[in-house]
Protein backbone atom coordinates (compact mmCIF):
# COMPACT_ATOMS: atom_id res chain seq x y z
CA UNK A 1 -17.74 -14.88 -14.22
CA UNK A 2 -16.92 -10.75 -14.68
CA UNK A 3 -13.08 -12.30 -13.29
CA UNK A 4 -12.90 -15.34 -16.29
CA UNK A 5 -14.37 -12.67 -19.15
CA UNK A 6 -11.75 -10.03 -18.37
CA UNK A 7 -9.07 -12.11 -18.24
CA UNK A 8 -5.79 -11.64 -20.86
CA UNK A 9 -7.36 -13.97 -23.65
CA UNK A 10 -10.39 -11.92 -23.84
CA UNK A 11 -8.75 -8.44 -24.38
CA UNK A 12 -8.89 -8.02 -28.21
CA UNK A 13 -13.08 -9.42 -27.32
CA UNK A 14 -15.93 -7.70 -26.67
CA UNK A 15 -17.21 -8.38 -23.00
CA UNK A 16 -20.36 -10.85 -25.53
CA UNK A 17 -18.29 -12.34 -27.54
CA UNK A 18 -16.04 -13.18 -24.51
CA UNK A 19 -19.04 -14.14 -22.52
CA UNK A 20 -20.32 -16.55 -24.93
CA UNK A 21 -16.96 -17.34 -25.89
CA UNK A 22 -16.32 -18.56 -22.09
CA UNK A 23 -19.11 -20.20 -21.86
CA UNK A 24 -18.53 -22.43 -25.04
CA UNK A 25 -14.82 -23.40 -22.96
CA UNK A 26 -17.20 -24.47 -19.81
CA UNK A 27 -19.05 -27.08 -21.75
CA UNK A 28 -15.88 -28.65 -23.31
CA UNK A 29 -14.22 -28.72 -20.07
CA UNK A 30 -17.55 -30.37 -18.37
CA UNK A 31 -16.66 -33.22 -21.46
CA UNK A 32 -13.32 -33.62 -20.50
CA UNK A 33 -12.71 -32.74 -16.75
CA UNK A 34 -11.68 -35.04 -14.72
CA UNK A 35 -10.99 -33.98 -10.65
CA UNK A 36 -7.93 -35.22 -8.40
CA UNK A 37 -9.31 -37.63 -6.43
CA UNK A 38 -7.55 -38.79 -2.90
CA UNK A 39 -7.84 -42.10 -4.15
CA UNK A 40 -6.65 -42.58 -7.73
CA UNK A 41 -4.16 -39.73 -6.93
CA UNK A 42 -3.07 -41.11 -3.24
CA UNK A 43 0.78 -40.46 -3.83
CA UNK A 44 -0.15 -36.24 -5.15
CA UNK A 45 -0.07 -32.93 -2.79
CA UNK A 46 -2.50 -31.19 -3.78
CA UNK A 47 -5.08 -28.08 -3.33
CA UNK A 48 -8.81 -27.76 -4.46
CA UNK A 49 -10.73 -24.39 -3.68
CA UNK A 50 -15.01 -25.00 -4.28
CA UNK A 51 -16.40 -21.75 -5.23
CA UNK A 52 -14.83 -19.90 -4.62
CA UNK A 53 -13.91 -20.51 -1.07
CA UNK A 54 -16.96 -21.82 0.56
CA UNK A 55 -14.93 -25.34 0.52
CA UNK A 56 -10.95 -26.10 0.65
CA UNK A 57 -9.36 -29.31 0.53
CA UNK A 58 -5.91 -29.78 1.28
CA UNK A 59 -4.03 -33.18 0.28
CA UNK A 60 -0.55 -34.16 2.00
CA UNK A 61 0.62 -30.63 1.77
CA UNK A 62 4.52 -30.23 3.07
CA UNK A 63 6.91 -27.69 4.45
CA UNK A 64 6.92 -24.14 4.54
CA UNK A 65 6.92 -23.21 0.65
CA UNK A 66 3.50 -25.28 0.29
CA UNK A 67 1.98 -23.61 3.69
CA UNK A 68 2.66 -20.29 2.87
CA UNK A 69 0.57 -20.96 -0.54
CA UNK A 70 -1.91 -22.48 1.24
CA UNK A 71 -2.43 -19.52 3.38
CA UNK A 72 -2.06 -17.30 1.07
CA UNK A 73 -5.31 -18.76 -1.45
CA UNK A 74 -7.74 -19.52 1.68
CA UNK A 75 -6.68 -16.21 2.30
CA UNK A 76 -7.73 -14.39 -0.77
CA UNK A 77 -11.41 -13.64 -2.28
CA UNK A 78 -13.15 -12.29 -5.23
CA UNK A 79 -15.84 -10.15 -3.13
CA UNK A 80 -15.90 -6.53 -5.03
CA UNK A 81 -13.91 -3.96 -2.16
CA UNK A 82 -12.11 -0.89 -2.05
CA UNK A 83 -8.70 -0.12 -0.41
CA UNK A 84 -7.90 3.26 0.72
CA UNK A 85 -4.43 4.28 1.42
CA UNK A 86 -3.69 7.49 2.93
CA UNK A 87 -0.48 8.31 4.12
CA UNK A 88 -0.20 10.50 7.60
CA UNK A 89 -1.05 14.68 7.51
CA UNK A 90 2.07 17.16 7.43
CA UNK A 91 4.16 16.36 10.56
CA UNK A 92 5.89 18.95 12.43
CA UNK A 93 9.07 16.57 12.00
CA UNK A 94 8.16 16.80 7.41
CA UNK A 95 8.59 20.49 8.02
CA UNK A 96 11.89 19.85 9.23
CA UNK A 97 13.07 17.30 7.28
CA UNK A 98 13.48 15.08 9.77
CA UNK A 99 12.83 11.78 9.31
CA UNK A 100 10.97 9.01 11.58
CA UNK A 101 9.86 9.98 15.09
CA UNK A 102 6.14 10.52 16.76
CA UNK A 103 5.82 13.89 16.21
CA UNK A 104 2.13 15.87 15.95
CA UNK A 105 -0.04 16.89 13.11
CA UNK A 106 1.35 20.57 11.81
CA UNK A 107 -1.54 23.17 11.34
CA UNK A 108 -1.62 21.90 7.71
CA UNK A 109 -1.61 18.16 8.56
CA UNK A 110 -4.72 18.84 10.79
CA UNK A 111 -6.49 20.62 7.58
CA UNK A 112 -5.83 17.67 5.96
CA UNK A 113 -7.28 15.23 8.77
CA UNK A 114 -10.67 17.18 9.13
CA UNK A 115 -10.68 17.07 5.37
CA UNK A 116 -9.96 13.67 4.59
CA UNK A 117 -12.28 12.68 7.57
CA UNK A 118 -15.04 15.05 5.54
CA UNK A 119 -14.66 13.05 2.27
CA UNK A 120 -14.55 9.76 3.41
CA UNK A 121 -17.80 9.59 5.90
CA UNK A 122 -19.26 11.49 2.96
CA UNK A 123 -18.53 8.33 0.91
CA UNK A 124 -20.87 6.41 3.38
CA UNK A 125 -18.25 3.13 2.22
CA UNK A 126 -20.20 -0.08 3.44
CA UNK A 127 -18.53 -1.92 6.65
CA UNK A 128 -15.20 0.39 6.45
CA UNK A 129 -12.59 -0.91 8.48
CA UNK A 130 -9.42 2.25 9.39
CA UNK A 131 -6.22 0.84 9.77
CA UNK A 132 -3.70 3.06 11.70
CA UNK A 133 0.62 2.46 12.87
CA UNK A 134 1.64 3.45 16.59
CA UNK A 135 2.57 6.34 15.85
CA UNK A 136 0.95 9.11 16.52
CA UNK A 137 0.67 11.77 13.47
CA UNK A 138 -1.39 8.36 11.89
CA UNK A 139 -4.13 8.19 14.48
CA UNK A 140 -4.51 11.69 15.07
CA UNK A 141 -5.05 11.95 11.02
CA UNK A 142 -7.83 8.80 11.16
CA UNK A 143 -9.78 9.87 14.32
CA UNK A 144 -12.91 12.06 12.48
CA UNK A 145 -13.13 9.05 10.72
CA UNK A 146 -16.53 7.42 11.84
CA UNK A 147 -15.63 3.47 10.91
CA UNK A 148 -13.78 1.19 13.40
CA UNK A 149 -10.23 1.63 13.93
CA UNK A 150 -7.20 -0.49 14.57
CA UNK A 151 -3.86 -0.06 15.47
CA UNK A 152 -1.38 -1.57 13.87
CA UNK A 153 2.18 -2.03 14.91
CA UNK A 154 3.26 -3.51 11.30
CA UNK A 155 2.26 -0.31 9.65
CA UNK A 156 4.66 1.78 11.59
CA UNK A 157 7.26 3.13 10.02
CA UNK A 158 10.60 1.91 8.45
CA UNK A 159 12.72 2.17 11.55
CA UNK A 160 15.79 4.36 10.95
CA UNK A 161 17.75 3.25 13.76
CA UNK A 162 20.86 5.72 14.72
CA UNK A 163 19.18 8.09 11.59
CA UNK A 164 15.89 8.93 13.85
CA UNK A 165 15.56 11.96 14.16
CA UNK A 166 18.37 13.51 11.44
CA UNK A 167 17.67 15.21 8.12
CA UNK A 168 19.20 13.84 5.28
CA UNK A 169 21.61 16.57 5.32
CA UNK A 170 22.82 15.40 8.91
CA UNK A 171 22.89 11.86 7.78
CA UNK A 172 24.89 12.79 4.62
CA UNK A 173 27.28 14.78 7.77
CA UNK A 174 27.45 12.07 9.96
CA UNK A 175 27.74 8.75 7.99
CA UNK A 176 28.82 9.84 4.71
CA UNK A 177 29.76 6.18 3.72
CA UNK A 178 26.23 4.77 5.31
CA UNK A 179 24.00 7.81 3.23
CA UNK A 180 25.90 6.48 -0.05
CA UNK A 181 25.90 2.61 0.55
CA UNK A 182 21.76 3.04 0.70
CA UNK A 183 22.07 5.34 -2.32
CA UNK A 184 23.94 2.26 -4.18
CA UNK A 185 20.63 -0.41 -2.52
CA UNK A 186 18.40 1.03 -1.32
CA UNK A 187 16.19 -2.19 -1.12
CA UNK A 188 18.71 -3.66 0.80
CA UNK A 189 20.20 -1.89 2.57
CA UNK A 190 19.95 -1.28 6.59
CA UNK A 191 20.05 1.38 8.59
CA UNK A 192 22.11 0.84 11.51
CA UNK A 193 20.28 -0.46 14.24
CA UNK A 194 17.32 -0.30 12.39
CA UNK A 195 15.59 -1.65 9.29
CA UNK A 196 15.54 -1.84 4.91
CA UNK A 197 13.08 -2.20 3.02
CA UNK A 198 13.12 -6.02 2.76
CA UNK A 199 12.84 -6.35 6.17
CA UNK A 200 9.85 -4.30 6.19
CA UNK A 201 8.08 -6.44 3.20
CA UNK A 202 8.27 -8.72 5.57
CA UNK A 203 7.22 -7.07 8.49
CA UNK A 204 4.12 -6.69 6.46
CA UNK A 205 3.49 -9.77 5.64
CA UNK A 206 0.37 -10.83 7.71
CA UNK A 207 -0.74 -7.05 6.64
CA UNK A 208 -0.79 -8.06 3.08
CA UNK A 209 -2.86 -11.37 3.63
CA UNK A 210 -5.48 -9.73 6.11
CA UNK A 211 -5.67 -6.87 3.36
CA UNK A 212 -6.80 -10.15 1.09
CA UNK A 213 -9.08 -11.28 3.61
CA UNK A 214 -11.01 -8.17 4.20
CA UNK A 215 -13.26 -6.32 2.42
CA UNK A 216 -13.22 -1.87 2.40
CA UNK A 217 -10.28 -1.00 4.32
CA UNK A 218 -8.93 2.58 4.92
CA UNK A 219 -4.45 2.47 6.05
CA UNK A 220 -3.44 5.38 7.81
CA UNK A 221 0.46 4.73 7.65
CA UNK A 222 3.60 6.00 6.15
CA UNK A 223 5.30 6.62 3.15
CA UNK A 224 8.10 3.33 3.00
CA UNK A 225 4.54 1.18 4.41
CA UNK A 226 2.79 2.31 1.19
CA UNK A 227 5.74 1.78 -1.50
CA UNK A 228 5.49 -2.09 0.05
CA UNK A 229 1.85 -2.09 -0.38
CA UNK A 230 2.23 -0.31 -3.32
CA UNK A 231 4.68 -2.75 -5.08
CA UNK A 232 2.93 -5.39 -3.89
CA UNK A 233 -0.81 -4.75 -5.46
CA UNK A 234 0.49 -3.19 -8.47
CA UNK A 235 3.15 -5.53 -9.85
CA UNK A 236 6.86 -3.38 -8.94
CA UNK A 237 9.80 -4.96 -8.40
CA UNK A 238 12.34 -4.49 -6.09
CA UNK A 239 14.11 -1.33 -7.66
CA UNK A 240 11.21 0.39 -8.02
CA UNK A 241 9.73 0.21 -4.33
CA UNK A 242 12.06 2.09 -2.85
CA UNK A 243 11.70 5.15 -5.29
CA UNK A 244 7.64 5.11 -5.63
CA UNK A 245 6.23 8.48 -5.04
CA UNK A 246 3.36 8.61 -2.25
CA UNK A 247 2.60 12.21 -1.39
CA UNK A 248 1.01 14.03 2.03
CA UNK A 249 -2.59 14.71 1.50
CA UNK A 250 -3.25 12.48 -1.33
CA UNK A 251 -5.61 9.02 -0.80
CA UNK A 252 -5.33 6.41 -3.62
CA UNK A 253 -8.00 4.54 -4.19
CA UNK A 254 -7.05 0.38 -5.04
CA UNK A 255 -9.86 -0.96 -6.50
CA UNK A 256 -9.09 -5.40 -7.20
CA UNK A 257 -10.00 -6.43 -10.47
CA UNK A 258 -9.02 -9.60 -12.47
CA UNK A 259 -5.56 -9.98 -13.02
CA UNK A 260 -4.44 -6.71 -11.06
CA UNK A 261 -5.56 -3.34 -9.89
CA UNK A 262 -7.05 -0.35 -10.46
CA UNK A 263 -5.95 2.61 -8.76
CA UNK A 264 -7.02 6.51 -8.54
CA UNK A 265 -5.34 9.08 -6.84
CA UNK A 266 -7.31 11.94 -4.97
CA UNK A 267 -5.38 14.72 -3.96
CA UNK A 268 -5.64 17.34 -1.16
CA UNK A 269 -5.74 21.26 -2.20
CA UNK A 270 -3.86 20.99 1.13
CA UNK A 271 -0.55 22.14 1.19
CA UNK A 272 2.39 19.88 2.71
CA UNK A 273 5.81 19.61 2.10
CA UNK A 274 7.13 17.39 -0.70
CA UNK A 275 9.12 14.12 1.17
CA UNK A 276 10.11 12.58 -2.34
CA UNK A 277 13.47 11.57 -2.62
CA UNK A 278 13.90 10.76 -5.87
CA UNK A 279 16.74 8.34 -7.21
CA UNK A 280 19.80 10.44 -7.38
CA UNK A 281 22.00 9.72 -10.40
CA UNK A 282 24.87 9.46 -7.97
CA UNK A 283 25.29 7.51 -4.73
CA UNK A 284 25.68 9.68 -1.96
CA UNK A 285 24.68 13.03 -4.01
CA UNK A 286 22.08 15.35 -1.87
CA UNK A 287 19.37 17.55 -3.50
CA UNK A 288 19.74 21.26 -2.44
CA UNK A 289 16.17 21.24 -1.57
CA UNK A 290 17.01 19.26 1.60
CA UNK A 291 20.70 21.12 2.12
CA UNK A 292 20.58 22.41 5.87
CA UNK A 293 20.51 26.20 4.48
CA UNK A 294 16.48 25.15 2.15
CA UNK A 295 13.66 24.19 3.19
CA UNK A 296 11.55 21.41 2.12
CA UNK A 297 10.31 22.09 -0.91
CA UNK A 298 6.34 22.48 -0.77
CA UNK A 299 3.30 20.47 -2.67
CA UNK A 300 0.23 22.43 -3.49
CA UNK A 301 -2.53 19.59 -4.09
CA UNK A 302 -3.70 22.65 -6.08
CA UNK A 303 -0.90 21.85 -8.51
CA UNK A 304 -1.60 17.76 -8.61
CA UNK A 305 -2.33 16.72 -12.14
CA UNK A 306 -5.35 14.33 -10.09
CA UNK A 307 -8.47 14.07 -9.05
CA UNK A 308 -9.45 17.12 -6.14
CA UNK A 309 -11.75 16.36 -3.44
CA UNK A 310 -14.16 17.90 -1.94
CA UNK A 311 -13.33 19.00 1.79
CA UNK A 312 -16.89 18.80 2.63
CA UNK A 313 -18.92 21.62 4.93
CA UNK A 314 -15.89 21.58 7.83
CA UNK A 315 -14.17 25.10 7.70
CA UNK A 316 -11.09 24.74 7.07
CA UNK A 317 -8.25 27.71 8.93
CA UNK A 318 -6.77 29.16 5.01
């Protein structure tokens, strides 16, 4: 009922008026509704879902596209749930401006892991599951969370191929044409011997399907991965996707609702480098803060204009 009264049809109506109108619609539908029938419509391909997934009837589905649609519709549900997304704590390679790799957390990253665990554990989230990538920094970040944990290779960071372990300045210097090509079409560009965002979207399809059918989940993963997941849940296009900002030491709370998804960002007051590189005005241009003689800028949770997290009872180094 909540799904229906919150539909776009009732945007300008109060809840009571929307409910009355919807019930009137139901009465009208009951007078005229005729269900599809396997005998009367024997030549048609159709799918019927009873009681929001309690029973599913599939009739004459053919081909890959129809099979994918059936698979998707059989996995979604409307039971209230929350999806929590957070990048790993700041890593040693983050501090050095390097991409990819499997480095450990920095001291500030360890602080974040403690603060995150305290925050999540205090929430007493019912039937929470924790998913991480195979990279050590995500496993280390989630280690203190008191909930069943699973490791997903699909949640690994985008494969930077020959550029893995290099800074943006090194990539621009060693592969100037590749660096500019990625700026021209970041979604479709594929690192030599690596992946593109388009590849990553395909790799994450099983993760998205599983998120649709699960309850409360905390996902600890990486910047490029969360850009893809956020683009799906927030309906962002392929041009926006590669530039979505997902800062370190922040927790994104997604609550699926009727016809959309609510997002809340909780920032922890623990310093971390800013790894976000906005879309350059000119392909191949590298901002000063990413050059060899500059330190990657630091972002502080104290300066972020959003809700702060309570770090709980842990004693965090200052």
